[in-house]
């Protein structure tokens, strides 16, 4: 087993560990692995209002989701701040493509020219962050789940809707990477 704080885990270790979460969650209480339901429960718990999507008894089904969400947040802090988590190196061709779009600071986990508080103050940055956040939120609600829920739990359960959703996620990611982002940044 690789040392968790010194290098990236290879796919053949990390993939099966993530995949084993599906049967473990099912055995531990008939739960599904996914994040969008966690965020929905958090919104229903903290922002009660008249939006029908958030008006339900979240206490009956969502407490474990809130604990799961807190674990993701705390795990990110531990991995990123305390352990000094590794970053995945970008291929030289990807670095060249990003440089051609004006993105040069590749020292962090995300490019600072696009994803930072200072970028949010620009029209392009606000469009990318706010517009992208809205599309991700709307898309996960419309698709009935997020990428992790469909790709991990849904495909493991052999759901056709999850297969269509995952194929759409990949197609959308390719279109955004090769067409939309270059069009916005140029």
N, C-alpha and C. Protein backbone atom coordinates (compact mmCIF):
# COMPACT_ATOMS: atom_id res chain seq x y z
N UNK A 1 0.87 -1.18 0.00
CA UNK A 1 0.00 0.00 0.00
C UNK A 1 0.91 1.23 0.00
N UNK A 2 0.64 2.22 -0.89
CA UNK A 2 1.48 3.42 -0.94
C UNK A 2 1.32 4.27 0.32
N UNK A 3 2.36 5.02 0.62
CA UNK A 3 2.31 5.95 1.75
C UNK A 3 1.37 7.09 1.37
N UNK A 4 0.28 7.31 2.15
CA UNK A 4 -0.75 8.27 1.72
C UNK A 4 -0.30 9.71 1.65
N UNK A 5 0.72 10.11 2.39
CA UNK A 5 1.06 11.52 2.43
C UNK A 5 2.25 11.88 1.53
N UNK A 6 2.81 10.93 0.81
CA UNK A 6 4.01 11.25 0.04
C UNK A 6 3.82 11.20 -1.47
N UNK A 7 2.84 10.47 -1.96
CA UNK A 7 2.67 10.40 -3.41
C UNK A 7 1.24 10.00 -3.75
N UNK A 8 0.90 10.13 -5.01
CA UNK A 8 -0.43 9.75 -5.47
C UNK A 8 -0.59 8.24 -5.40
N UNK A 9 -1.80 7.82 -5.10
CA UNK A 9 -2.08 6.39 -5.13
C UNK A 9 -2.38 6.00 -6.57
N UNK A 10 -1.89 4.86 -7.02
CA UNK A 10 -2.18 4.44 -8.39
C UNK A 10 -3.66 4.06 -8.54
N UNK A 11 -4.13 4.10 -9.78
CA UNK A 11 -5.54 3.83 -10.05
C UNK A 11 -5.96 2.46 -9.55
N UNK A 12 -5.08 1.48 -9.62
CA UNK A 12 -5.45 0.12 -9.23
C UNK A 12 -5.58 -0.05 -7.72
N UNK A 13 -5.17 0.95 -6.94
CA UNK A 13 -5.41 0.96 -5.50
C UNK A 13 -6.61 1.84 -5.17
N UNK A 14 -6.59 3.08 -5.68
CA UNK A 14 -7.66 4.04 -5.36
C UNK A 14 -9.00 3.61 -5.95
N UNK A 15 -9.00 3.11 -7.18
CA UNK A 15 -10.26 2.71 -7.83
C UNK A 15 -11.01 1.63 -7.08
N UNK A 16 -10.36 0.52 -6.76
CA UNK A 16 -11.07 -0.50 -5.98
C UNK A 16 -11.52 -0.03 -4.60
N UNK A 17 -10.73 0.84 -3.96
CA UNK A 17 -11.15 1.35 -2.65
C UNK A 17 -12.44 2.17 -2.78
N UNK A 18 -12.50 3.00 -3.81
CA UNK A 18 -13.73 3.77 -4.04
C UNK A 18 -14.86 2.82 -4.40
N UNK A 19 -14.59 1.87 -5.27
CA UNK A 19 -15.61 0.91 -5.68
C UNK A 19 -16.15 0.07 -4.54
N UNK A 20 -15.32 -0.23 -3.56
CA UNK A 20 -15.78 -1.01 -2.41
C UNK A 20 -16.73 -0.24 -1.51
N UNK A 21 -16.75 1.09 -1.66
CA UNK A 21 -17.68 1.89 -0.87
C UNK A 21 -19.13 1.58 -1.22
N UNK A 22 -19.40 1.21 -2.46
CA UNK A 22 -20.78 0.94 -2.88
C UNK A 22 -21.38 -0.23 -2.09
N UNK A 23 -20.75 -1.41 -2.10
CA UNK A 23 -21.36 -2.49 -1.31
C UNK A 23 -21.31 -2.24 0.19
N UNK A 24 -20.26 -1.56 0.68
CA UNK A 24 -20.20 -1.27 2.11
C UNK A 24 -21.34 -0.36 2.55
N UNK A 25 -21.63 0.67 1.77
CA UNK A 25 -22.74 1.56 2.10
C UNK A 25 -24.09 0.85 2.00
N UNK A 26 -24.22 -0.02 1.01
CA UNK A 26 -25.47 -0.78 0.88
C UNK A 26 -25.66 -1.73 2.06
N UNK A 27 -24.59 -2.38 2.48
CA UNK A 27 -24.67 -3.30 3.61
C UNK A 27 -24.86 -2.56 4.93
N UNK A 28 -24.32 -1.35 5.03
CA UNK A 28 -24.37 -0.60 6.28
C UNK A 28 -25.63 0.25 6.41
N UNK A 29 -26.64 -0.03 5.66
CA UNK A 29 -27.88 0.73 5.84
C UNK A 29 -28.61 1.07 4.57
N UNK A 30 -28.32 0.34 3.48
CA UNK A 30 -29.02 0.57 2.21
C UNK A 30 -28.84 2.01 1.74
N UNK A 31 -27.61 2.51 1.79
CA UNK A 31 -27.28 3.88 1.38
C UNK A 31 -26.56 3.86 0.04
N UNK A 32 -26.73 4.94 -0.71
CA UNK A 32 -26.05 5.09 -1.99
C UNK A 32 -24.92 6.10 -1.88
N UNK A 33 -23.87 5.88 -2.65
CA UNK A 33 -22.73 6.78 -2.68
C UNK A 33 -23.01 7.91 -3.66
N UNK A 34 -23.02 9.13 -3.20
CA UNK A 34 -23.24 10.30 -4.05
C UNK A 34 -23.20 11.55 -3.21
N UNK A 35 -22.92 12.67 -3.87
CA UNK A 35 -22.73 13.92 -3.14
C UNK A 35 -23.91 14.87 -3.32
N UNK A 36 -24.58 14.85 -4.47
CA UNK A 36 -25.64 15.84 -4.69
C UNK A 36 -26.77 15.69 -3.69
N UNK A 37 -27.08 14.47 -3.28
CA UNK A 37 -28.12 14.30 -2.25
C UNK A 37 -27.66 14.88 -0.92
N UNK A 38 -26.35 14.80 -0.64
CA UNK A 38 -25.81 15.41 0.58
C UNK A 38 -26.01 16.92 0.55
N UNK A 39 -25.73 17.53 -0.58
CA UNK A 39 -25.89 18.98 -0.70
C UNK A 39 -27.36 19.37 -0.64
N UNK A 40 -28.22 18.54 -1.20
CA UNK A 40 -29.66 18.83 -1.13
C UNK A 40 -30.13 18.80 0.32
N UNK A 41 -29.68 17.82 1.08
CA UNK A 41 -30.05 17.74 2.50
C UNK A 41 -29.51 18.94 3.27
N UNK A 42 -28.28 19.36 2.96
CA UNK A 42 -27.70 20.53 3.64
C UNK A 42 -28.51 21.78 3.34
N UNK A 43 -28.93 21.95 2.09
CA UNK A 43 -29.76 23.11 1.74
C UNK A 43 -31.12 23.04 2.44
N UNK A 44 -31.72 21.85 2.47
CA UNK A 44 -33.03 21.70 3.12
C UNK A 44 -32.92 21.96 4.62
N UNK A 45 -31.78 21.61 5.22
CA UNK A 45 -31.61 21.81 6.67
C UNK A 45 -31.33 23.26 7.02
N UNK A 46 -30.61 23.97 6.16
CA UNK A 46 -30.18 25.33 6.52
C UNK A 46 -30.97 26.44 5.86
N UNK A 47 -31.66 26.15 4.78
CA UNK A 47 -32.38 27.18 4.04
C UNK A 47 -33.85 26.81 3.86
N UNK A 48 -34.59 26.64 4.94
CA UNK A 48 -36.00 26.28 4.76
C UNK A 48 -36.73 27.43 4.08
N UNK A 49 -37.53 27.09 3.13
CA UNK A 49 -38.24 28.11 2.37
C UNK A 49 -39.34 27.50 1.53
N UNK A 50 -39.65 28.19 0.47
CA UNK A 50 -40.78 27.75 -0.35
C UNK A 50 -40.37 26.98 -1.60
N UNK A 51 -39.09 26.69 -1.77
CA UNK A 51 -38.66 25.94 -2.95
C UNK A 51 -39.04 24.47 -2.76
N UNK A 52 -39.91 23.94 -3.61
CA UNK A 52 -40.40 22.56 -3.42
C UNK A 52 -39.30 21.51 -3.37
N UNK A 53 -38.22 21.73 -4.11
CA UNK A 53 -37.12 20.75 -4.16
C UNK A 53 -36.49 20.54 -2.79
N UNK A 54 -36.56 21.55 -1.92
CA UNK A 54 -35.95 21.47 -0.60
C UNK A 54 -36.97 21.30 0.52
N UNK A 55 -38.23 21.13 0.20
CA UNK A 55 -39.26 20.99 1.23
C UNK A 55 -39.61 19.51 1.39
N UNK A 56 -38.95 18.87 2.32
CA UNK A 56 -39.20 17.47 2.66
C UNK A 56 -38.59 17.22 4.03
N UNK A 57 -38.86 16.09 4.59
CA UNK A 57 -38.35 15.76 5.93
C UNK A 57 -36.91 15.23 5.80
N UNK A 58 -35.95 16.14 5.77
CA UNK A 58 -34.56 15.75 5.59
C UNK A 58 -34.03 14.99 6.79
N UNK A 59 -34.63 15.18 7.97
CA UNK A 59 -34.17 14.48 9.17
C UNK A 59 -34.39 12.96 9.05
N UNK A 60 -35.44 12.58 8.35
CA UNK A 60 -35.77 11.15 8.22
C UNK A 60 -34.77 10.41 7.35
N UNK A 61 -34.20 11.10 6.35
CA UNK A 61 -33.33 10.40 5.42
C UNK A 61 -31.94 10.99 5.30
N UNK A 62 -31.73 12.20 5.78
CA UNK A 62 -30.52 12.91 5.42
C UNK A 62 -29.46 13.11 6.47
N UNK A 63 -29.65 12.65 7.70
CA UNK A 63 -28.63 12.90 8.71
C UNK A 63 -27.30 12.26 8.35
N UNK A 64 -27.33 11.04 7.87
CA UNK A 64 -26.08 10.37 7.51
C UNK A 64 -25.41 11.11 6.34
N UNK A 65 -26.22 11.70 5.43
CA UNK A 65 -25.66 12.47 4.32
C UNK A 65 -24.90 13.69 4.82
N UNK A 66 -25.43 14.35 5.86
CA UNK A 66 -24.75 15.52 6.40
C UNK A 66 -23.43 15.13 7.07
N UNK A 67 -23.42 13.97 7.71
CA UNK A 67 -22.18 13.46 8.32
C UNK A 67 -21.18 13.10 7.21
N UNK A 68 -21.66 12.48 6.14
CA UNK A 68 -20.82 12.14 4.98
C UNK A 68 -20.22 13.41 4.37
N UNK A 69 -21.05 14.45 4.22
CA UNK A 69 -20.59 15.72 3.67
C UNK A 69 -19.55 16.37 4.58
N UNK A 70 -19.76 16.33 5.88
CA UNK A 70 -18.78 16.86 6.82
C UNK A 70 -17.46 16.09 6.73
N UNK A 71 -17.56 14.78 6.53
CA UNK A 71 -16.36 13.97 6.35
C UNK A 71 -15.59 14.33 5.10
N UNK A 72 -16.29 14.64 4.02
CA UNK A 72 -15.62 15.07 2.78
C UNK A 72 -14.88 16.38 3.04
N UNK A 73 -15.55 17.31 3.70
CA UNK A 73 -14.94 18.61 4.00
C UNK A 73 -13.71 18.45 4.89
N UNK A 74 -13.86 17.70 5.98
CA UNK A 74 -12.73 17.51 6.89
C UNK A 74 -11.61 16.71 6.24
N UNK A 75 -11.95 15.73 5.43
CA UNK A 75 -10.94 14.96 4.71
C UNK A 75 -10.16 15.83 3.74
N UNK A 76 -10.85 16.78 3.11
CA UNK A 76 -10.16 17.72 2.22
C UNK A 76 -9.19 18.60 2.98
N UNK A 77 -9.59 19.04 4.15
CA UNK A 77 -8.70 19.87 4.97
C UNK A 77 -7.48 19.06 5.42
N UNK A 78 -7.73 17.86 5.91
CA UNK A 78 -6.62 17.02 6.36
C UNK A 78 -5.68 16.70 5.19
N UNK A 79 -6.26 16.29 4.06
CA UNK A 79 -5.42 15.93 2.92
C UNK A 79 -4.69 17.10 2.30
N UNK A 80 -5.36 18.25 2.22
CA UNK A 80 -4.76 19.39 1.55
C UNK A 80 -3.87 20.24 2.42
N UNK A 81 -4.23 20.40 3.69
CA UNK A 81 -3.47 21.31 4.57
C UNK A 81 -2.51 20.57 5.49
N UNK A 82 -3.00 19.56 6.16
CA UNK A 82 -2.16 18.90 7.17
C UNK A 82 -1.18 17.92 6.56
N UNK A 83 -1.60 17.16 5.54
CA UNK A 83 -0.71 16.19 4.93
C UNK A 83 0.04 16.77 3.74
N UNK A 84 -0.34 17.98 3.32
CA UNK A 84 0.31 18.58 2.14
C UNK A 84 0.10 17.71 0.93
N UNK A 85 -1.16 17.34 0.70
CA UNK A 85 -1.53 16.40 -0.35
C UNK A 85 -0.85 16.64 -1.68
N UNK A 86 -0.53 15.57 -2.38
CA UNK A 86 0.16 15.69 -3.66
C UNK A 86 -0.77 16.26 -4.73
N UNK A 87 -0.16 16.86 -5.72
CA UNK A 87 -0.93 17.32 -6.87
C UNK A 87 -0.59 16.43 -8.04
N UNK A 88 -1.55 16.24 -8.91
CA UNK A 88 -1.33 15.41 -10.09
C UNK A 88 -0.57 16.23 -11.13
N UNK A 89 0.54 15.71 -11.63
CA UNK A 89 1.29 16.45 -12.64
C UNK A 89 0.51 16.49 -13.96
N UNK A 90 0.57 17.63 -14.62
CA UNK A 90 -0.08 17.78 -15.91
C UNK A 90 0.88 17.37 -17.01
N UNK A 91 0.34 16.78 -18.05
CA UNK A 91 1.16 16.41 -19.20
C UNK A 91 1.70 17.67 -19.85
N UNK A 92 2.89 17.62 -20.43
CA UNK A 92 3.45 18.79 -21.10
C UNK A 92 2.52 19.36 -22.18
N UNK A 93 1.81 18.52 -22.92
CA UNK A 93 0.90 19.01 -23.95
C UNK A 93 -0.26 19.80 -23.32
N UNK A 94 -0.74 19.35 -22.16
CA UNK A 94 -1.81 20.07 -21.46
C UNK A 94 -1.29 21.41 -20.96
N UNK A 95 -0.08 21.43 -20.42
CA UNK A 95 0.52 22.68 -19.96
C UNK A 95 0.66 23.67 -21.12
N UNK A 96 1.06 23.18 -22.29
CA UNK A 96 1.20 24.06 -23.46
C UNK A 96 -0.16 24.58 -23.92
N UNK A 97 -1.18 23.72 -23.91
CA UNK A 97 -2.52 24.16 -24.30
C UNK A 97 -3.05 25.22 -23.33
N UNK A 98 -2.83 25.03 -22.04
CA UNK A 98 -3.27 26.02 -21.05
C UNK A 98 -2.50 27.33 -21.20
N UNK A 99 -1.21 27.26 -21.46
CA UNK A 99 -0.40 28.47 -21.66
C UNK A 99 -0.91 29.24 -22.87
N UNK A 100 -1.32 28.54 -23.92
CA UNK A 100 -1.86 29.20 -25.11
C UNK A 100 -3.17 29.93 -24.79
N UNK A 101 -3.88 29.50 -23.75
CA UNK A 101 -5.12 30.17 -23.33
C UNK A 101 -4.87 31.24 -22.28
N UNK A 102 -3.60 31.46 -21.91
CA UNK A 102 -3.27 32.49 -20.94
C UNK A 102 -3.25 32.01 -19.50
N UNK A 103 -3.21 30.71 -19.30
CA UNK A 103 -3.18 30.14 -17.95
C UNK A 103 -1.76 29.64 -17.70
N UNK A 104 -1.05 30.32 -16.80
CA UNK A 104 0.36 30.00 -16.57
C UNK A 104 0.65 29.51 -15.17
N UNK A 105 -0.15 29.88 -14.18
CA UNK A 105 0.10 29.48 -12.79
C UNK A 105 -0.51 28.10 -12.54
N UNK A 106 0.30 27.08 -12.66
CA UNK A 106 -0.15 25.70 -12.46
C UNK A 106 0.45 25.10 -11.20
N UNK A 107 0.75 25.95 -10.22
CA UNK A 107 1.40 25.48 -9.00
C UNK A 107 0.42 24.84 -8.03
N UNK A 108 -0.83 25.25 -8.02
CA UNK A 108 -1.81 24.71 -7.08
C UNK A 108 -2.62 23.59 -7.71
N UNK A 109 -3.69 23.25 -7.01
CA UNK A 109 -4.54 22.17 -7.50
C UNK A 109 -5.45 22.65 -8.63
N UNK A 110 -5.70 23.98 -8.70
CA UNK A 110 -6.48 24.58 -9.77
C UNK A 110 -5.77 25.84 -10.26
N UNK A 111 -5.95 26.20 -11.52
CA UNK A 111 -5.31 27.43 -12.02
C UNK A 111 -5.87 28.67 -11.33
N UNK A 112 -4.98 29.48 -10.76
CA UNK A 112 -5.41 30.68 -10.04
C UNK A 112 -6.00 31.74 -10.97
N UNK A 113 -5.65 31.73 -12.24
CA UNK A 113 -6.21 32.70 -13.18
C UNK A 113 -7.71 32.49 -13.40
N UNK A 114 -8.21 31.29 -13.10
CA UNK A 114 -9.63 30.99 -13.32
C UNK A 114 -10.37 30.82 -12.00
N UNK A 115 -9.80 30.07 -11.07
CA UNK A 115 -10.51 29.71 -9.85
C UNK A 115 -9.86 30.30 -8.61
N UNK A 116 -10.17 31.55 -8.32
CA UNK A 116 -9.67 32.22 -7.12
C UNK A 116 -10.61 33.37 -6.80
N UNK A 117 -10.44 33.95 -5.60
CA UNK A 117 -11.28 35.09 -5.22
C UNK A 117 -11.02 36.28 -6.13
N UNK A 118 -9.76 36.48 -6.52
CA UNK A 118 -9.46 37.60 -7.41
C UNK A 118 -10.07 37.37 -8.80
N UNK A 119 -10.10 36.13 -9.27
CA UNK A 119 -10.71 35.84 -10.57
C UNK A 119 -12.21 36.08 -10.54
N UNK A 120 -12.83 35.88 -9.37
CA UNK A 120 -14.27 36.11 -9.24
C UNK A 120 -14.63 37.57 -9.50
N UNK A 121 -13.67 38.48 -9.30
CA UNK A 121 -13.90 39.90 -9.54
C UNK A 121 -13.87 40.30 -11.00
N UNK A 122 -13.48 39.40 -11.87
CA UNK A 122 -13.48 39.69 -13.31
C UNK A 122 -14.74 39.13 -13.95
N UNK A 123 -15.11 39.67 -15.09
CA UNK A 123 -16.32 39.20 -15.78
C UNK A 123 -16.16 37.73 -16.20
N UNK A 124 -15.01 37.38 -16.73
CA UNK A 124 -14.78 36.00 -17.16
C UNK A 124 -14.78 35.05 -15.96
N UNK A 125 -14.09 35.45 -14.90
CA UNK A 125 -14.05 34.60 -13.71
C UNK A 125 -15.41 34.42 -13.08
N UNK A 126 -16.18 35.50 -12.98
CA UNK A 126 -17.54 35.41 -12.42
C UNK A 126 -18.41 34.52 -13.29
N UNK A 127 -18.30 34.67 -14.60
CA UNK A 127 -19.08 33.83 -15.52
C UNK A 127 -18.73 32.36 -15.34
N UNK A 128 -17.43 32.05 -15.27
CA UNK A 128 -17.01 30.67 -15.12
C UNK A 128 -17.42 30.08 -13.78
N UNK A 129 -17.18 30.82 -12.69
CA UNK A 129 -17.46 30.28 -11.35
C UNK A 129 -18.95 30.24 -11.04
N UNK A 130 -19.65 31.34 -11.25
CA UNK A 130 -21.08 31.39 -10.92
C UNK A 130 -21.89 30.61 -11.94
N UNK A 131 -21.61 30.85 -13.22
CA UNK A 131 -22.33 30.11 -14.27
C UNK A 131 -22.07 28.62 -14.20
N UNK A 132 -20.80 28.26 -14.00
CA UNK A 132 -20.46 26.84 -13.89
C UNK A 132 -21.09 26.19 -12.68
N UNK A 133 -21.08 26.89 -11.55
CA UNK A 133 -21.72 26.36 -10.34
C UNK A 133 -23.21 26.15 -10.53
N UNK A 134 -23.86 27.12 -11.18
CA UNK A 134 -25.29 26.97 -11.46
C UNK A 134 -25.55 25.77 -12.37
N UNK A 135 -24.76 25.64 -13.42
CA UNK A 135 -24.98 24.53 -14.35
C UNK A 135 -24.73 23.17 -13.69
N UNK A 136 -23.73 23.09 -12.84
CA UNK A 136 -23.47 21.84 -12.13
C UNK A 136 -24.62 21.51 -11.19
N UNK A 137 -25.08 22.51 -10.43
CA UNK A 137 -26.21 22.29 -9.52
C UNK A 137 -27.48 21.92 -10.25
N UNK A 138 -27.80 22.67 -11.30
CA UNK A 138 -29.00 22.38 -12.08
C UNK A 138 -28.88 21.01 -12.75
N UNK A 139 -27.71 20.74 -13.31
CA UNK A 139 -27.52 19.47 -14.01
C UNK A 139 -27.65 18.27 -13.09
N UNK A 140 -27.10 18.37 -11.89
CA UNK A 140 -27.21 17.23 -10.97
C UNK A 140 -28.65 17.05 -10.49
N UNK A 141 -29.37 18.14 -10.31
CA UNK A 141 -30.79 18.01 -9.92
C UNK A 141 -31.60 17.45 -11.07
N UNK A 142 -31.33 17.90 -12.29
CA UNK A 142 -32.07 17.45 -13.46
C UNK A 142 -31.76 15.98 -13.78
N UNK A 143 -30.50 15.59 -13.59
CA UNK A 143 -30.08 14.21 -13.89
C UNK A 143 -30.43 13.24 -12.78
N UNK A 144 -30.92 13.75 -11.67
CA UNK A 144 -31.27 12.87 -10.55
C UNK A 144 -30.05 12.38 -9.80
N UNK A 145 -28.95 13.10 -9.88
CA UNK A 145 -27.74 12.72 -9.16
C UNK A 145 -26.52 13.35 -9.78
N UNK A 146 -25.41 13.24 -9.07
CA UNK A 146 -24.16 13.85 -9.51
C UNK A 146 -23.29 12.80 -10.20
N UNK A 147 -22.12 13.22 -10.62
CA UNK A 147 -21.22 12.31 -11.31
C UNK A 147 -20.83 11.12 -10.45
N UNK A 148 -20.54 11.37 -9.17
CA UNK A 148 -20.14 10.26 -8.32
C UNK A 148 -21.29 9.30 -8.07
N UNK A 149 -22.49 9.82 -7.87
CA UNK A 149 -23.64 8.96 -7.63
C UNK A 149 -23.96 8.09 -8.83
N UNK A 150 -24.00 8.70 -10.00
CA UNK A 150 -24.32 7.92 -11.21
C UNK A 150 -23.18 6.99 -11.61
N UNK A 151 -21.94 7.51 -11.61
CA UNK A 151 -20.81 6.73 -12.10
C UNK A 151 -20.41 5.61 -11.15
N UNK A 152 -20.59 5.82 -9.85
CA UNK A 152 -20.17 4.80 -8.91
C UNK A 152 -21.35 3.92 -8.50
N UNK A 153 -22.37 4.52 -7.92
CA UNK A 153 -23.51 3.72 -7.44
C UNK A 153 -24.43 3.28 -8.58
N UNK A 154 -24.77 4.21 -9.46
CA UNK A 154 -25.73 3.90 -10.53
C UNK A 154 -25.23 2.84 -11.50
N UNK A 155 -23.97 2.97 -11.93
CA UNK A 155 -23.43 1.97 -12.85
C UNK A 155 -23.25 0.62 -12.16
N UNK A 156 -22.88 0.65 -10.87
CA UNK A 156 -22.75 -0.61 -10.13
C UNK A 156 -24.09 -1.31 -10.01
N UNK A 157 -25.16 -0.53 -9.98
CA UNK A 157 -26.51 -1.06 -9.89
C UNK A 157 -27.11 -1.35 -11.28
N UNK A 158 -26.32 -1.14 -12.33
CA UNK A 158 -26.70 -1.39 -13.73
C UNK A 158 -27.95 -0.60 -14.14
N UNK A 159 -27.99 0.67 -13.77
CA UNK A 159 -29.12 1.52 -14.13
C UNK A 159 -28.84 2.19 -15.47
N UNK A 160 -29.78 2.03 -16.40
CA UNK A 160 -29.63 2.62 -17.73
C UNK A 160 -29.55 4.15 -17.63
N UNK A 161 -30.34 4.75 -16.76
CA UNK A 161 -30.31 6.21 -16.60
C UNK A 161 -28.92 6.67 -16.18
N UNK A 162 -28.24 5.91 -15.35
CA UNK A 162 -26.89 6.28 -14.93
C UNK A 162 -25.90 6.16 -16.08
N UNK A 163 -26.07 5.15 -16.92
CA UNK A 163 -25.20 5.01 -18.09
C UNK A 163 -25.36 6.21 -19.02
N UNK A 164 -26.61 6.60 -19.28
CA UNK A 164 -26.87 7.77 -20.12
C UNK A 164 -26.29 9.03 -19.47
N UNK A 165 -26.46 9.17 -18.16
CA UNK A 165 -25.94 10.34 -17.46
C UNK A 165 -24.41 10.39 -17.53
N UNK A 166 -23.74 9.27 -17.30
CA UNK A 166 -22.28 9.24 -17.33
C UNK A 166 -21.76 9.55 -18.74
N UNK A 167 -22.40 8.99 -19.74
CA UNK A 167 -22.00 9.29 -21.12
C UNK A 167 -22.19 10.78 -21.41
N UNK A 168 -23.27 11.37 -20.89
CA UNK A 168 -23.52 12.80 -21.08
C UNK A 168 -22.49 13.64 -20.33
N UNK A 169 -22.10 13.20 -19.11
CA UNK A 169 -21.07 13.92 -18.36
C UNK A 169 -19.77 13.95 -19.15
N UNK A 170 -19.38 12.81 -19.71
CA UNK A 170 -18.14 12.76 -20.47
C UNK A 170 -18.22 13.62 -21.72
N UNK A 171 -19.34 13.54 -22.44
CA UNK A 171 -19.51 14.35 -23.64
C UNK A 171 -19.47 15.84 -23.29
N UNK A 172 -20.16 16.22 -22.23
CA UNK A 172 -20.15 17.61 -21.80
C UNK A 172 -18.77 18.07 -21.38
N UNK A 173 -18.04 17.21 -20.69
CA UNK A 173 -16.67 17.55 -20.29
C UNK A 173 -15.75 17.74 -21.48
N UNK A 174 -15.89 16.89 -22.48
CA UNK A 174 -15.07 17.04 -23.68
C UNK A 174 -15.42 18.31 -24.43
N UNK A 175 -16.71 18.60 -24.57
CA UNK A 175 -17.13 19.84 -25.24
C UNK A 175 -16.65 21.07 -24.48
N UNK A 176 -16.78 21.05 -23.17
CA UNK A 176 -16.34 22.19 -22.37
C UNK A 176 -14.83 22.39 -22.45
N UNK A 177 -14.08 21.30 -22.42
CA UNK A 177 -12.62 21.39 -22.45
C UNK A 177 -12.09 21.84 -23.79
N UNK A 178 -12.63 21.28 -24.87
CA UNK A 178 -12.06 21.53 -26.19
C UNK A 178 -12.74 22.64 -26.97
N UNK A 179 -13.91 23.08 -26.55
CA UNK A 179 -14.62 24.12 -27.28
C UNK A 179 -15.01 25.31 -26.41
N UNK A 180 -15.74 25.06 -25.34
CA UNK A 180 -16.31 26.14 -24.54
C UNK A 180 -15.23 26.94 -23.78
N UNK A 181 -14.36 26.28 -23.03
CA UNK A 181 -13.33 27.01 -22.28
C UNK A 181 -12.41 27.82 -23.19
N UNK A 182 -11.91 27.25 -24.28
CA UNK A 182 -11.08 28.09 -25.18
C UNK A 182 -11.87 29.27 -25.75
N UNK A 183 -13.15 29.08 -26.04
CA UNK A 183 -13.96 30.19 -26.57
C UNK A 183 -14.13 31.29 -25.53
N UNK A 184 -14.28 30.92 -24.26
CA UNK A 184 -14.47 31.91 -23.20
C UNK A 184 -13.16 32.64 -22.89
N UNK A 185 -12.05 31.93 -22.87
CA UNK A 185 -10.79 32.53 -22.44
C UNK A 185 -10.07 33.31 -23.55
N UNK A 186 -10.50 33.17 -24.78
CA UNK A 186 -9.82 33.90 -25.87
C UNK A 186 -10.42 35.23 -26.11
